[in-house]
């Protein structure tokens, strides 16, 4: 188990992943990961993280954003 600090820059929160976790997941800077509730432990406030494949990312973007960027 790793304990990491959540960092805030502006209105965005970041989690720094230890190198050992990145190596295990096979992720590098610029890759995407998927974070979801851990169904095995729903009452423990746990999440699961996995590497997102290219077809998983596509044009989904952040669905909670009204402005998707790219112009005024």
C-alpha atoms as a PDB file:
ATOM      1  CA  UNK A   1       0.000   0.000   0.000  1.00  0.00           C
ATOM      2  CA  UNK A   2       1.157   3.516  -0.809  1.00  0.00           C
ATOM      3  CA  UNK A   3       0.100   6.782   0.768  1.00  0.00           C
ATOM      4  CA  UNK A   4       0.234   9.723  -1.630  1.00  0.00           C
ATOM      5  CA  UNK A   5      -0.546  13.400  -1.260  1.00  0.00           C
ATOM      6  CA  UNK A   6      -3.278  15.091  -3.291  1.00  0.00           C
ATOM      7  CA  UNK A   7      -1.947  18.264  -4.899  1.00  0.00           C
ATOM      8  CA  UNK A   8      -4.149  21.170  -5.988  1.00  0.00           C
ATOM      9  CA  UNK A   9      -3.195  23.515  -8.817  1.00  0.00           C
ATOM     10  CA  UNK A  10      -5.886  26.087  -9.494  1.00  0.00           C
ATOM     11  CA  UNK A  11      -9.185  24.204  -9.634  1.00  0.00           C
ATOM     12  CA  UNK A  12      -7.624  20.814 -10.460  1.00  0.00           C
ATOM     13  CA  UNK A  13      -6.590  18.077  -8.040  1.00  0.00           C
ATOM     14  CA  UNK A  14      -3.694  15.742  -8.863  1.00  0.00           C
ATOM     15  CA  UNK A  15      -2.613  12.425  -7.398  1.00  0.00           C
ATOM     16  CA  UNK A  16       1.032  11.505  -7.820  1.00  0.00           C
ATOM     17  CA  UNK A  17       1.405   7.814  -8.580  1.00  0.00           C
ATOM     18  CA  UNK A  18       4.543   6.097  -7.291  1.00  0.00           C
ATOM     19  CA  UNK A  19       6.889   4.678  -9.931  1.00  0.00           C
ATOM     20  CA  UNK A  20       6.195   1.118  -8.718  1.00  0.00           C
ATOM     21  CA  UNK A  21       2.456   1.553  -9.402  1.00  0.00           C
ATOM     22  CA  UNK A  22       3.098   3.090 -12.827  1.00  0.00           C
ATOM     23  CA  UNK A  23       5.383   0.192 -13.692  1.00  0.00           C
ATOM     24  CA  UNK A  24       2.797  -2.378 -12.552  1.00  0.00           C
ATOM     25  CA  UNK A  25       0.033  -0.661 -14.568  1.00  0.00           C
ATOM     26  CA  UNK A  26       2.332  -0.080 -17.549  1.00  0.00           C
ATOM     27  CA  UNK A  27       1.597   3.660 -17.650  1.00  0.00           C
ATOM     28  CA  UNK A  28       3.818   6.604 -18.497  1.00  0.00           C
ATOM     29  CA  UNK A  29       3.357  10.369 -18.476  1.00  0.00           C
ATOM     30  CA  UNK A  30       0.587  11.284 -20.925  1.00  0.00           C
ATOM     31  CA  UNK A  31      -1.238   7.946 -20.625  1.00  0.00           C
ATOM     32  CA  UNK A  32      -4.802   7.763 -19.328  1.00  0.00           C
ATOM     33  CA  UNK A  33      -6.022   5.748 -16.371  1.00  0.00           C
ATOM     34  CA  UNK A  34      -9.554   4.834 -15.386  1.00  0.00           C
ATOM     35  CA  UNK A  35     -10.617   5.257 -11.762  1.00  0.00           C
ATOM     36  CA  UNK A  36     -13.787   3.586 -10.539  1.00  0.00           C
ATOM     37  CA  UNK A  37     -15.424   2.487  -7.310  1.00  0.00           C
ATOM     38  CA  UNK A  38     -14.110  -0.885  -6.193  1.00  0.00           C
ATOM     39  CA  UNK A  39     -17.124  -3.190  -6.403  1.00  0.00           C
ATOM     40  CA  UNK A  40     -15.431  -5.800  -4.212  1.00  0.00           C
ATOM     41  CA  UNK A  41     -15.363  -3.365  -1.264  1.00  0.00           C
ATOM     42  CA  UNK A  42     -18.286  -0.923  -1.743  1.00  0.00           C
ATOM     43  CA  UNK A  43     -18.460   0.099   1.930  1.00  0.00           C
ATOM     44  CA  UNK A  44     -14.753   0.847   2.371  1.00  0.00           C
ATOM     45  CA  UNK A  45     -14.478   4.006   0.214  1.00  0.00           C
ATOM     46  CA  UNK A  46     -11.976   2.233  -2.044  1.00  0.00           C
ATOM     47  CA  UNK A  47     -11.331   2.842  -5.721  1.00  0.00           C
ATOM     48  CA  UNK A  48      -9.749   0.747  -8.450  1.00  0.00           C
ATOM     49  CA  UNK A  49      -7.356   2.136 -11.034  1.00  0.00           C
ATOM     50  CA  UNK A  50      -6.443   0.611 -14.391  1.00  0.00           C
ATOM     51  CA  UNK A  51      -4.722   1.707 -17.549  1.00  0.00           C
ATOM     52  CA  UNK A  52      -7.204   2.995 -20.117  1.00  0.00           C
ATOM     53  CA  UNK A  53      -6.714   1.602 -23.593  1.00  0.00           C
ATOM     54  CA  UNK A  54      -6.799   3.961 -26.593  1.00  0.00           C
ATOM     55  CA  UNK A  55     -10.281   2.811 -27.611  1.00  0.00           C
ATOM     56  CA  UNK A  56     -11.506   3.495 -24.037  1.00  0.00           C
ATOM     57  CA  UNK A  57     -10.484   7.151 -24.209  1.00  0.00           C
ATOM     58  CA  UNK A  58     -11.603   8.195 -27.703  1.00  0.00           C
ATOM     59  CA  UNK A  59     -13.590  11.442 -27.726  1.00  0.00           C
ATOM     60  CA  UNK A  60     -15.310  10.904 -24.373  1.00  0.00           C
ATOM     61  CA  UNK A  61     -13.664  13.910 -22.720  1.00  0.00           C
ATOM     62  CA  UNK A  62     -14.956  15.161 -19.409  1.00  0.00           C
ATOM     63  CA  UNK A  63     -18.710  14.846 -19.557  1.00  0.00           C
ATOM     64  CA  UNK A  64     -19.179  17.192 -16.599  1.00  0.00           C
ATOM     65  CA  UNK A  65     -17.835  20.164 -18.591  1.00  0.00           C
ATOM     66  CA  UNK A  66     -20.241  22.504 -20.369  1.00  0.00           C
ATOM     67  CA  UNK A  67     -17.529  24.073 -22.514  1.00  0.00           C
ATOM     68  CA  UNK A  68     -15.484  21.395 -24.289  1.00  0.00           C
ATOM     69  CA  UNK A  69     -12.855  23.943 -25.328  1.00  0.00           C
ATOM     70  CA  UNK A  70     -11.697  24.734 -28.819  1.00  0.00           C
ATOM     71  CA  UNK A  71     -13.203  28.177 -29.201  1.00  0.00           C
ATOM     72  CA  UNK A  72     -15.434  30.758 -27.652  1.00  0.00           C
END
